[in-house]
Structures are given as C-alpha cells and as structure tokens.
Protein backbone atom coordinates (compact mmCIF):
# COMPACT_ATOMS: atom_id res chain seq x y z
CA LEU A 1 -2.11 -15.98 -1.87
CA LEU A 2 -5.25 -17.09 -3.65
CA PHE A 3 -8.60 -15.58 -2.66
CA GLY A 4 -12.19 -16.15 -3.75
CA LYS A 5 -14.45 -13.29 -4.83
CA LYS A 6 -16.04 -13.00 -1.41
CA GLN A 7 -12.67 -12.82 0.29
CA LYS A 8 -11.45 -10.18 -2.14
CA LYS A 9 -14.25 -7.88 -1.01
CA GLN A 10 -13.28 -8.42 2.62
CA MET A 11 -9.54 -7.96 2.11
CA LYS A 12 -7.83 -4.91 3.52
CA THR A 13 -6.24 -4.32 0.12
CA LYS A 14 -4.98 -0.93 1.18
CA SER A 15 -2.20 -2.44 3.24
CA LEU A 16 -1.52 -5.92 1.83
CA ILE A 17 1.68 -6.20 -0.17
CA LYS A 18 1.65 -7.86 -3.56
CA PRO A 19 2.14 -11.64 -3.34
CA LEU A 20 5.13 -13.31 -4.97
CA PRO A 21 4.66 -15.68 -7.93
CA ILE A 22 5.06 -18.80 -5.82
CA GLY A 23 2.85 -21.87 -5.83
CA ARG A 24 2.84 -24.94 -3.63
CA ILE A 25 2.13 -28.61 -4.26
CA GLU A 26 0.03 -29.47 -1.21
CA LYS A 27 0.64 -33.24 -1.29
CA THR A 28 4.42 -32.86 -1.15
CA HIS A 29 4.62 -29.34 0.38
CA LYS A 30 7.03 -28.41 -2.40
CA TYR A 31 7.21 -24.76 -3.46
CA ILE A 32 7.32 -23.66 -7.10
CA TRP A 33 8.84 -20.46 -8.49
CA GLU A 34 6.18 -19.89 -11.14
CA PRO A 35 8.12 -17.62 -13.57
CA THR A 36 10.46 -20.53 -14.41
CA GLY A 37 8.51 -23.51 -13.10
CA GLU A 38 11.39 -24.41 -10.79
CA ILE A 39 10.43 -26.75 -7.96
CA LEU A 40 12.44 -25.62 -4.96
CA ALA A 41 14.52 -28.34 -3.36
CA TYR A 42 13.84 -27.51 0.30
CA SER A 43 11.44 -25.83 2.69
CA THR A 44 12.20 -23.61 5.66
CA THR A 45 10.70 -26.25 7.97
CA GLN A 46 12.96 -28.92 6.48
CA VAL A 47 16.10 -26.84 6.95
CA CYS A 48 15.23 -25.83 10.52
CA ASN A 49 14.36 -29.34 11.68
CA THR A 50 16.54 -30.34 14.63
CA LYS A 51 14.40 -33.18 15.97
CA THR A 52 15.69 -36.69 16.58
CA PRO A 53 14.21 -39.70 14.71
CA GLU A 54 12.36 -40.64 17.90
CA GLN A 55 10.85 -37.16 18.21
CA LEU A 56 9.82 -37.18 14.56
CA GLU A 57 8.18 -40.57 15.03
CA ASN A 58 6.20 -39.23 17.97
CA ILE A 59 5.15 -36.18 15.98
CA GLU A 60 3.86 -38.41 13.18
CA ARG A 61 2.00 -40.56 15.69
CA TRP A 62 -0.02 -37.56 16.83
CA ARG A 63 -0.38 -35.82 13.45
CA HIS A 64 -4.12 -36.53 13.39
CA LYS A 65 -4.41 -34.39 16.53
CA TRP A 66 -2.13 -31.40 15.90
CA GLU A 67 -2.39 -30.97 12.14
CA PRO A 68 -6.12 -30.14 11.84
CA ARG A 69 -5.85 -27.93 14.92
CA GLY A 70 -2.96 -25.97 13.43
CA VAL A 71 -4.55 -25.70 10.00
CA THR A 72 -7.81 -24.40 11.47
CA ALA A 73 -6.10 -21.88 13.76
CA HIS A 74 -4.01 -20.49 10.91
CA TYR A 75 -7.06 -20.28 8.66
CA CYS A 76 -9.07 -18.41 11.30
CA LEU A 77 -6.29 -15.92 11.97
CA GLN A 78 -5.92 -15.38 8.24
CA GLN A 79 -9.65 -14.72 7.91
CA LYS A 80 -9.62 -12.23 10.78
CA MET A 81 -6.74 -10.34 9.19
CA LEU A 82 -8.68 -10.22 5.91
CA GLY A 83 -11.74 -8.76 7.59
CA ASN A 84 -13.84 -11.81 8.46
CA ASP A 85 -14.51 -11.63 12.21
CA GLU A 86 -16.56 -14.84 12.34
CA PRO A 87 -14.51 -17.63 10.73
CA ASP A 88 -15.52 -21.26 11.21
CA MET A 89 -13.52 -22.51 14.20
CA GLY A 90 -14.70 -26.09 13.87
CA ASP A 91 -13.73 -28.15 16.92
CA TYR A 92 -11.02 -25.75 18.04
CA LYS A 93 -12.82 -22.84 19.69
CA ASP A 94 -10.81 -23.37 22.88
CA TRP A 95 -7.66 -22.46 20.96
CA ILE A 96 -9.00 -19.94 18.48
CA GLU A 97 -11.31 -17.73 20.53
CA PRO A 98 -8.51 -16.57 22.88
CA LEU A 99 -6.29 -15.99 19.84
CA LEU A 100 -8.76 -13.87 17.90
CA SER A 101 -9.85 -11.88 20.97
CA LEU A 102 -6.36 -10.58 21.77
CA ASP A 103 -6.32 -6.80 22.28
CA PHE A 104 -3.09 -6.91 20.27
CA TRP A 105 -5.03 -7.03 16.98
CA GLN A 106 -6.72 -3.68 17.63
CA ASN A 107 -3.47 -1.89 16.82
CA PHE A 108 -2.18 -4.28 14.16
CA GLU A 109 -2.29 -3.52 10.42
CA PRO A 110 -1.67 -6.67 8.31
CA TRP A 111 0.67 -6.41 5.33
CA GLY A 112 1.12 -10.07 4.47
CA VAL A 113 -1.02 -13.03 5.53
CA GLU A 114 0.03 -16.66 4.88
CA PHE A 115 2.55 -15.09 2.53
CA MET A 116 4.72 -17.46 0.47
CA LEU A 117 8.42 -16.61 0.13
CA CYS A 118 11.57 -18.16 -1.23
CA ASP A 119 15.33 -17.87 -1.51
CA LEU A 120 16.10 -18.94 -5.05
CA GLU A 121 19.85 -19.09 -4.46
CA LYS A 122 19.35 -21.63 -1.67
CA SER A 123 16.32 -23.21 -3.40
CA VAL A 124 14.28 -22.85 -0.19
CA GLY A 125 10.59 -22.01 -0.01
CA GLY A 126 8.43 -21.12 2.97
CA GLN A 127 5.30 -19.37 4.13
CA LEU A 128 5.18 -16.76 6.87
CA ASP A 129 2.04 -16.49 8.97
CA LEU A 130 1.78 -12.75 9.41
CA LEU A 131 3.64 -9.56 8.58
CA GLY A 132 2.35 -6.15 9.55
CA TYR A 133 2.67 -2.88 11.40
CA ASP A 134 1.91 -2.38 15.07
CA ASN A 135 0.54 1.15 15.37
CA LYS A 136 1.02 1.17 19.13
CA GLU A 137 4.65 0.06 19.14
CA LYS A 138 5.38 1.80 15.81
CA LYS A 139 7.16 -1.31 14.57
CA ILE A 140 7.03 -3.65 11.60
CA MET A 141 6.40 -7.11 13.05
CA LEU A 142 6.96 -10.57 11.60
CA ILE A 143 4.74 -13.00 13.51
CA ASP A 144 4.60 -16.79 13.66
CA LEU A 145 1.62 -18.67 15.10
CA LYS A 146 2.06 -21.96 16.93
CA THR A 147 -0.60 -24.15 18.53
CA GLN A 148 0.06 -26.43 21.49
CA GLY A 149 -2.13 -29.17 22.89
CA ASN A 150 -1.30 -28.51 26.54
CA LYS A 151 -2.12 -25.28 28.34
CA TYR A 152 1.14 -25.57 30.26
CA ALA A 153 3.37 -26.54 27.33
CA LYS A 154 6.66 -24.65 27.20
CA PRO A 155 7.64 -22.49 24.21
CA TYR A 156 10.51 -23.44 21.94
CA SER A 157 12.77 -21.42 19.68
CA THR A 158 11.36 -20.22 16.36
CA ASN A 159 14.31 -17.91 15.67
CA ALA A 160 15.75 -19.78 12.70
CA GLN A 161 12.38 -20.18 11.00
CA LEU A 162 11.60 -16.48 11.32
CA GLY A 163 15.12 -15.61 10.21
CA SER A 164 14.47 -17.41 6.93
CA TYR A 165 11.48 -15.16 6.28
CA VAL A 166 13.45 -12.05 7.24
CA ASP A 167 16.10 -12.85 4.61
CA ALA A 168 13.51 -13.65 1.92
CA LEU A 169 11.53 -10.46 2.61
CA LYS A 170 14.70 -8.44 2.15
CA ILE A 171 15.46 -10.18 -1.15
CA HIS A 172 12.03 -9.88 -2.74
CA ARG A 173 10.30 -6.91 -1.11
CA ASP A 174 13.13 -4.92 0.50
CA ILE A 175 11.24 -5.04 3.81
CA LYS A 176 13.06 -5.48 7.10
CA PRO A 177 10.93 -6.16 10.20
CA ASP A 178 11.79 -4.27 13.36
CA VAL A 179 11.03 -7.29 15.49
CA CYS A 180 9.91 -10.92 15.29
CA LYS A 181 7.33 -12.48 17.59
CA THR A 182 5.70 -15.86 18.19
CA ILE A 183 2.12 -16.27 19.36
CA TRP A 184 1.30 -19.49 21.23
CA ALA A 185 -2.32 -20.64 20.98
CA LYS A 186 -3.16 -23.14 23.72
CA PRO A 187 -6.46 -24.51 25.04
CA ASN A 188 -8.25 -21.57 26.71
CA LYS A 189 -5.06 -19.54 26.71
CA CYS A 190 -3.08 -17.47 24.21
CA VAL A 191 0.38 -16.13 24.92
CA ILE A 192 2.23 -13.46 22.94
CA GLY A 193 5.93 -14.25 23.14
CA GLU A 194 8.69 -11.80 23.94
CA ASN A 195 10.31 -9.80 21.15
CA GLN A 196 12.80 -11.84 19.12
CA GLU A 197 15.66 -9.76 17.77
CA VAL A 198 15.77 -9.75 13.97
CA GLU A 199 19.57 -10.02 13.86
CA LEU A 200 19.48 -13.03 16.19
CA CYS A 201 16.83 -14.72 14.04
CA THR A 202 18.79 -14.21 10.82
CA ARG A 203 21.99 -15.42 12.47
CA GLU A 204 20.31 -18.59 13.69
CA TRP A 205 18.76 -19.15 10.26
CA ARG A 206 22.13 -18.93 8.55
CA GLN A 207 23.62 -21.30 11.11
CA ALA A 208 20.76 -23.72 10.51
CA TRP A 209 21.35 -23.49 6.76
CA GLU A 210 25.08 -24.18 7.10
CA LYS A 211 24.38 -27.19 9.33
CA PHE A 212 21.74 -28.48 6.92
CA GLN A 213 24.07 -28.05 3.95
CA SER A 214 26.86 -29.93 5.68
CA LYS A 215 24.50 -32.87 6.23
CA GLN A 216 23.51 -32.87 2.56
CA GLU A 217 27.16 -32.97 1.54
CA THR A 218 27.79 -35.86 3.93
CA PHE A 219 25.05 -37.93 2.31
C-alpha cells in the first residue's frame, strides 16, 4: 500500500500489518514481486473467472458504469478504515453512504486495507479489500466488497476469490482468518453477507486453480 503524508497521519498504524513488497502495473493489472522484479503471470480474478464469452462481452459493454462506481466505493471504504470519515463519494453517495454507516464498523479493527498478496509458486497476484478483527464476534475476518447496480440484484459466490487470499495470507503473514464475508453495496442499501467458511473458500480456490491450469495446458 502506498500512502501520502496526510494519509500516514490518519492511518491506524497500531493495527495495520506490514505490506508485502508487491507492485502493480495499473494499465495491465499485472502484479510484480519487487524483490526479484518478477511479473506474475496471473491474477486471482483471472483464475476465478467462470463467465461465458457472452457474459464477458456484456460486462465490457457496461464497464463505464460499474468500474468507476466500484473504484470509488473501494476508495471510500479504504479511507474510512484509515481514519478519514469524510471521503469524496463523487456521484456514488447512494451506494457509499449506506456502506460507511454500517454499525458493523464500530466493532471492526482493520489490519489490512487494499492489501496486495501473491502466491509465487502459482505466479498469482491479487488484492484483498479488507482484513481485520471483529471485537464483537472475537473473530479475524477477511472481507470482500462488491457493488451492484440494482437494489434487488442477487449475490453470487466469492468463495474462490477469498480462498486465494486465505492461502496467500498463510504463506506470507502466517495469518488465518476465522471467517470470510462479502459486503454488497447497492443503491440505498448495503447487505452484509452470511459467514463464508474458510475451509470451503480455500477448497473452492484450489478447485478453481486446478480447472484454470487444465485450460492452460489444453491451449
């Protein structure tokens, strides 16, 4: 994570874990292991992708809608976790205000925010949204944030994606979350998903990796 001087003053440095030496090329979304300069071959998102060509085409068609919304929501949550309670929400207050006003955050202590990770053996890089400790539940939580354009949109599985981060946290920081969760930010509504079992997430990640690898070998 890279922070400006102002942000450093706001950071809750007492609880944030030390970032890994990973960089990212924004244009290509490629991750770099800085100690060796290795550009990692894959991303977690790439490995976990199960969408059809038609679905991917539709996603690209609406990128101008969902991408700035997602970027802004993630930025605002990051800022709140770092101590800035009034981040610039831009045009997305309907999504972000319900997210930032969740009572959930009153008991949450952030450990890692927009934290870059990797599995060097697999050559996979990724970035988790939030890792921390829930003082009410007494659990270490790994949290992913998703935004949806429709208030009534249904959730989808994020197990494999979160499982990738679980494995990488174990490798690099010897941290094992007690539970994974997904938060769904929708217009004028924010939903905290049910607990996702860590073992299930890691199992689905490894299955996704095996499936992805088999496709690479085919091509």
